[in-house]
């Protein structure tokens, strides 16, 4: 198993959120397959970069959602991957 780089981990977290539309932080932690400490680092960075946002429902439950900026990141990331594969780089 290869070690995931920073961008790949960020992409994986954002894709999980995209699949679920909105997800509780604990569920995202489990799905991301990261330690709590590493997850927190990425979580804070994604919030700071405004790729994700945290919302609270009427029952005071916290959920994470993907922002437009996060969605754009996923689209650009996929474009780069496609470029690399197309030119066999």
N, C-alpha and C. Protein backbone atom coordinates (compact mmCIF):
# COMPACT_ATOMS: atom_id res chain seq x y z
N UNK A 1 0.83 -1.17 0.00
CA UNK A 1 0.00 0.00 0.00
C UNK A 1 0.88 1.25 0.00
N UNK A 2 0.61 2.16 -0.90
CA UNK A 2 1.43 3.35 -0.99
C UNK A 2 0.90 4.45 -0.09
N UNK A 3 1.82 5.29 0.35
CA UNK A 3 1.45 6.42 1.20
C UNK A 3 0.81 7.50 0.35
N UNK A 4 -0.33 8.01 0.82
CA UNK A 4 -1.02 9.07 0.08
C UNK A 4 -0.36 10.41 0.36
N UNK A 5 -0.22 11.20 -0.70
CA UNK A 5 0.30 12.55 -0.54
C UNK A 5 -0.78 13.49 -0.03
N UNK A 6 -0.38 14.68 0.33
CA UNK A 6 -1.29 15.66 0.91
C UNK A 6 -2.48 15.95 0.00
N UNK A 7 -2.22 16.22 -1.28
CA UNK A 7 -3.32 16.54 -2.20
C UNK A 7 -4.27 15.36 -2.38
N UNK A 8 -3.71 14.17 -2.40
CA UNK A 8 -4.56 12.99 -2.56
C UNK A 8 -5.45 12.78 -1.34
N UNK A 9 -4.91 13.01 -0.15
CA UNK A 9 -5.71 12.88 1.07
C UNK A 9 -6.82 13.93 1.06
N UNK A 10 -6.48 15.16 0.69
CA UNK A 10 -7.49 16.21 0.61
C UNK A 10 -8.57 15.84 -0.39
N UNK A 11 -8.16 15.32 -1.53
CA UNK A 11 -9.11 14.90 -2.56
C UNK A 11 -10.01 13.79 -2.04
N UNK A 12 -9.43 12.83 -1.35
CA UNK A 12 -10.21 11.72 -0.81
C UNK A 12 -11.26 12.21 0.20
N UNK A 13 -10.87 13.11 1.08
CA UNK A 13 -11.81 13.65 2.07
C UNK A 13 -12.94 14.39 1.36
N UNK A 14 -12.60 15.22 0.39
CA UNK A 14 -13.62 15.99 -0.33
C UNK A 14 -14.56 15.07 -1.12
N UNK A 15 -14.03 14.00 -1.69
CA UNK A 15 -14.87 13.06 -2.44
C UNK A 15 -15.86 12.34 -1.51
N UNK A 16 -15.40 12.01 -0.31
CA UNK A 16 -16.30 11.37 0.65
C UNK A 16 -17.46 12.30 0.97
N UNK A 17 -17.15 13.56 1.22
CA UNK A 17 -18.19 14.54 1.52
C UNK A 17 -19.13 14.69 0.33
N UNK A 18 -18.58 14.71 -0.86
CA UNK A 18 -19.40 14.86 -2.07
C UNK A 18 -20.37 13.68 -2.21
N UNK A 19 -19.91 12.49 -1.94
CA UNK A 19 -20.75 11.29 -2.04
C UNK A 19 -21.93 11.36 -1.07
N UNK A 20 -21.65 11.78 0.16
CA UNK A 20 -22.69 11.81 1.19
C UNK A 20 -23.49 13.11 1.23
N UNK A 21 -23.05 14.11 0.49
CA UNK A 21 -23.67 15.43 0.45
C UNK A 21 -23.41 16.20 1.74
N UNK A 22 -23.71 15.60 2.87
CA UNK A 22 -23.30 16.14 4.17
C UNK A 22 -23.07 14.96 5.09
N UNK A 23 -22.07 15.11 5.96
CA UNK A 23 -21.63 13.97 6.76
C UNK A 23 -21.17 14.47 8.13
N UNK A 24 -21.40 13.65 9.14
CA UNK A 24 -20.96 13.99 10.49
C UNK A 24 -19.43 13.84 10.55
N UNK A 25 -18.77 14.69 11.35
CA UNK A 25 -17.30 14.63 11.44
C UNK A 25 -16.76 13.25 11.81
N UNK A 26 -17.40 12.57 12.75
CA UNK A 26 -16.92 11.25 13.18
C UNK A 26 -17.02 10.23 12.05
N UNK A 27 -18.11 10.28 11.30
CA UNK A 27 -18.28 9.38 10.16
C UNK A 27 -17.21 9.66 9.10
N UNK A 28 -16.93 10.94 8.87
CA UNK A 28 -15.89 11.32 7.90
C UNK A 28 -14.53 10.84 8.36
N UNK A 29 -14.25 10.96 9.64
CA UNK A 29 -12.97 10.48 10.19
C UNK A 29 -12.79 9.00 9.88
N UNK A 30 -13.82 8.21 10.15
CA UNK A 30 -13.74 6.76 9.89
C UNK A 30 -13.54 6.47 8.41
N UNK A 31 -14.31 7.15 7.57
CA UNK A 31 -14.22 6.90 6.12
C UNK A 31 -12.87 7.34 5.54
N UNK A 32 -12.25 8.35 6.14
CA UNK A 32 -10.99 8.89 5.60
C UNK A 32 -9.80 7.98 5.86
N UNK A 33 -9.93 7.06 6.82
CA UNK A 33 -8.86 6.12 7.17
C UNK A 33 -7.59 6.85 7.63
N UNK A 34 -7.80 7.93 8.39
CA UNK A 34 -6.69 8.69 8.96
C UNK A 34 -6.75 8.58 10.47
N UNK A 35 -5.61 8.82 11.12
CA UNK A 35 -5.63 8.91 12.58
C UNK A 35 -6.37 10.18 12.96
N UNK A 36 -6.81 10.24 14.19
CA UNK A 36 -7.53 11.43 14.66
C UNK A 36 -6.68 12.69 14.51
N UNK A 37 -5.40 12.59 14.85
CA UNK A 37 -4.51 13.75 14.77
C UNK A 37 -4.34 14.22 13.32
N UNK A 38 -4.08 13.29 12.41
CA UNK A 38 -3.91 13.67 11.00
C UNK A 38 -5.22 14.20 10.42
N UNK A 39 -6.33 13.57 10.79
CA UNK A 39 -7.63 14.03 10.30
C UNK A 39 -7.86 15.47 10.73
N UNK A 40 -7.58 15.77 11.99
CA UNK A 40 -7.80 17.12 12.50
C UNK A 40 -6.98 18.15 11.72
N UNK A 41 -5.72 17.81 11.39
CA UNK A 41 -4.87 18.72 10.61
C UNK A 41 -5.52 19.03 9.26
N UNK A 42 -5.95 17.99 8.57
CA UNK A 42 -6.58 18.19 7.25
C UNK A 42 -7.91 18.91 7.39
N UNK A 43 -8.68 18.57 8.40
CA UNK A 43 -9.98 19.18 8.63
C UNK A 43 -9.83 20.69 8.82
N UNK A 44 -8.89 21.09 9.67
CA UNK A 44 -8.65 22.51 9.93
C UNK A 44 -8.21 23.20 8.65
N UNK A 45 -7.30 22.59 7.91
CA UNK A 45 -6.82 23.20 6.67
C UNK A 45 -7.94 23.35 5.65
N UNK A 46 -8.77 22.33 5.51
CA UNK A 46 -9.88 22.41 4.55
C UNK A 46 -10.89 23.48 4.94
N UNK A 47 -11.13 23.64 6.23
CA UNK A 47 -12.01 24.71 6.71
C UNK A 47 -11.38 26.08 6.40
N UNK A 48 -10.08 26.23 6.73
CA UNK A 48 -9.39 27.50 6.52
C UNK A 48 -9.36 27.88 5.04
N UNK A 49 -9.20 26.90 4.18
CA UNK A 49 -9.16 27.16 2.73
C UNK A 49 -10.56 27.30 2.13
N UNK A 50 -11.57 27.11 2.99
CA UNK A 50 -12.98 27.21 2.59
C UNK A 50 -13.38 26.17 1.54
N UNK A 51 -12.75 24.99 1.62
CA UNK A 51 -13.13 23.86 0.76
C UNK A 51 -14.33 23.13 1.36
N UNK A 52 -14.46 23.21 2.69
CA UNK A 52 -15.58 22.60 3.40
C UNK A 52 -16.14 23.60 4.40
N UNK A 53 -17.33 23.32 4.86
CA UNK A 53 -17.96 24.16 5.88
C UNK A 53 -18.66 23.25 6.87
N UNK A 54 -18.84 23.74 8.07
CA UNK A 54 -19.54 22.97 9.10
C UNK A 54 -20.87 23.65 9.38
N UNK A 55 -21.93 22.87 9.36
CA UNK A 55 -23.27 23.41 9.65
C UNK A 55 -23.85 22.65 10.84
N UNK A 56 -24.82 23.26 11.48
CA UNK A 56 -25.51 22.65 12.61
C UNK A 56 -26.99 22.63 12.32
N UNK A 57 -27.63 21.47 12.50
CA UNK A 57 -29.08 21.38 12.25
C UNK A 57 -29.86 21.79 13.50
N UNK A 58 -31.18 21.66 13.44
CA UNK A 58 -32.03 22.07 14.56
C UNK A 58 -31.78 21.25 15.82
N UNK A 59 -31.30 20.03 15.66
CA UNK A 59 -31.01 19.18 16.81
C UNK A 59 -29.60 19.41 17.36
N UNK A 60 -28.94 20.46 16.86
CA UNK A 60 -27.57 20.81 17.26
C UNK A 60 -26.54 19.75 16.86
N UNK A 61 -26.84 18.99 15.81
CA UNK A 61 -25.89 18.01 15.28
C UNK A 61 -25.03 18.70 14.23
N UNK A 62 -23.73 18.45 14.29
CA UNK A 62 -22.79 19.07 13.36
C UNK A 62 -22.61 18.19 12.12
N UNK A 63 -22.61 18.84 10.96
CA UNK A 63 -22.39 18.17 9.69
C UNK A 63 -21.36 18.96 8.89
N UNK A 64 -20.65 18.24 8.04
CA UNK A 64 -19.68 18.86 7.14
C UNK A 64 -20.25 18.82 5.74
N UNK A 65 -20.13 19.95 5.04
CA UNK A 65 -20.60 20.03 3.65
C UNK A 65 -19.47 20.52 2.76
N UNK A 66 -19.57 20.22 1.50
CA UNK A 66 -18.61 20.66 0.50
C UNK A 66 -19.02 22.03 -0.01
N UNK A 67 -18.08 22.95 -0.12
CA UNK A 67 -18.36 24.28 -0.66
C UNK A 67 -18.12 24.28 -2.17
N UNK A 68 -18.50 25.35 -2.81
CA UNK A 68 -18.23 25.50 -4.25
C UNK A 68 -16.73 25.43 -4.53
N UNK A 69 -15.94 26.05 -3.66
CA UNK A 69 -14.49 26.04 -3.82
C UNK A 69 -13.95 24.60 -3.71
N UNK A 70 -14.50 23.82 -2.80
CA UNK A 70 -14.09 22.42 -2.65
C UNK A 70 -14.46 21.61 -3.87
N UNK A 71 -15.64 21.87 -4.42
CA UNK A 71 -16.07 21.18 -5.63
C UNK A 71 -15.16 21.54 -6.80
N UNK A 72 -14.79 22.80 -6.89
CA UNK A 72 -13.89 23.24 -7.96
C UNK A 72 -12.52 22.57 -7.83
N UNK A 73 -12.04 22.41 -6.58
CA UNK A 73 -10.78 21.71 -6.34
C UNK A 73 -10.84 20.30 -6.91
N UNK A 74 -11.95 19.59 -6.63
CA UNK A 74 -12.10 18.22 -7.13
C UNK A 74 -12.08 18.18 -8.65
N UNK A 75 -12.75 19.13 -9.29
CA UNK A 75 -12.78 19.18 -10.75
C UNK A 75 -11.39 19.43 -11.32
N UNK A 76 -10.65 20.38 -10.75
CA UNK A 76 -9.29 20.69 -11.22
C UNK A 76 -8.35 19.52 -10.96
N UNK A 77 -8.49 18.88 -9.81
CA UNK A 77 -7.66 17.73 -9.49
C UNK A 77 -7.84 16.64 -10.54
N UNK A 78 -9.10 16.37 -10.89
CA UNK A 78 -9.39 15.34 -11.88
C UNK A 78 -8.82 15.73 -13.25
N UNK A 79 -8.87 17.01 -13.59
CA UNK A 79 -8.28 17.48 -14.85
C UNK A 79 -6.79 17.21 -14.89
N UNK A 80 -6.11 17.45 -13.79
CA UNK A 80 -4.67 17.21 -13.72
C UNK A 80 -4.37 15.72 -13.86
N UNK A 81 -5.14 14.89 -13.17
CA UNK A 81 -4.95 13.43 -13.26
C UNK A 81 -5.17 12.96 -14.70
N UNK A 82 -6.22 13.47 -15.34
CA UNK A 82 -6.49 13.11 -16.74
C UNK A 82 -5.35 13.52 -17.65
N UNK A 83 -4.79 14.70 -17.44
CA UNK A 83 -3.67 15.20 -18.23
C UNK A 83 -2.46 14.27 -18.07
N UNK A 84 -2.15 13.91 -16.83
CA UNK A 84 -1.01 13.04 -16.54
C UNK A 84 -1.19 11.68 -17.22
N UNK A 85 -2.40 11.14 -17.15
CA UNK A 85 -2.67 9.83 -17.76
C UNK A 85 -2.64 9.91 -19.29
N UNK A 86 -3.19 10.98 -19.83
CA UNK A 86 -3.24 11.13 -21.29
C UNK A 86 -1.85 11.17 -21.90
N UNK A 87 -0.91 11.85 -21.22
CA UNK A 87 0.43 11.99 -21.75
C UNK A 87 1.40 11.00 -21.12
N UNK A 88 0.87 10.05 -20.38
CA UNK A 88 1.66 8.98 -19.77
C UNK A 88 2.84 9.53 -18.98
N UNK A 89 2.57 10.53 -18.17
CA UNK A 89 3.63 11.16 -17.37
C UNK A 89 3.76 10.49 -16.01
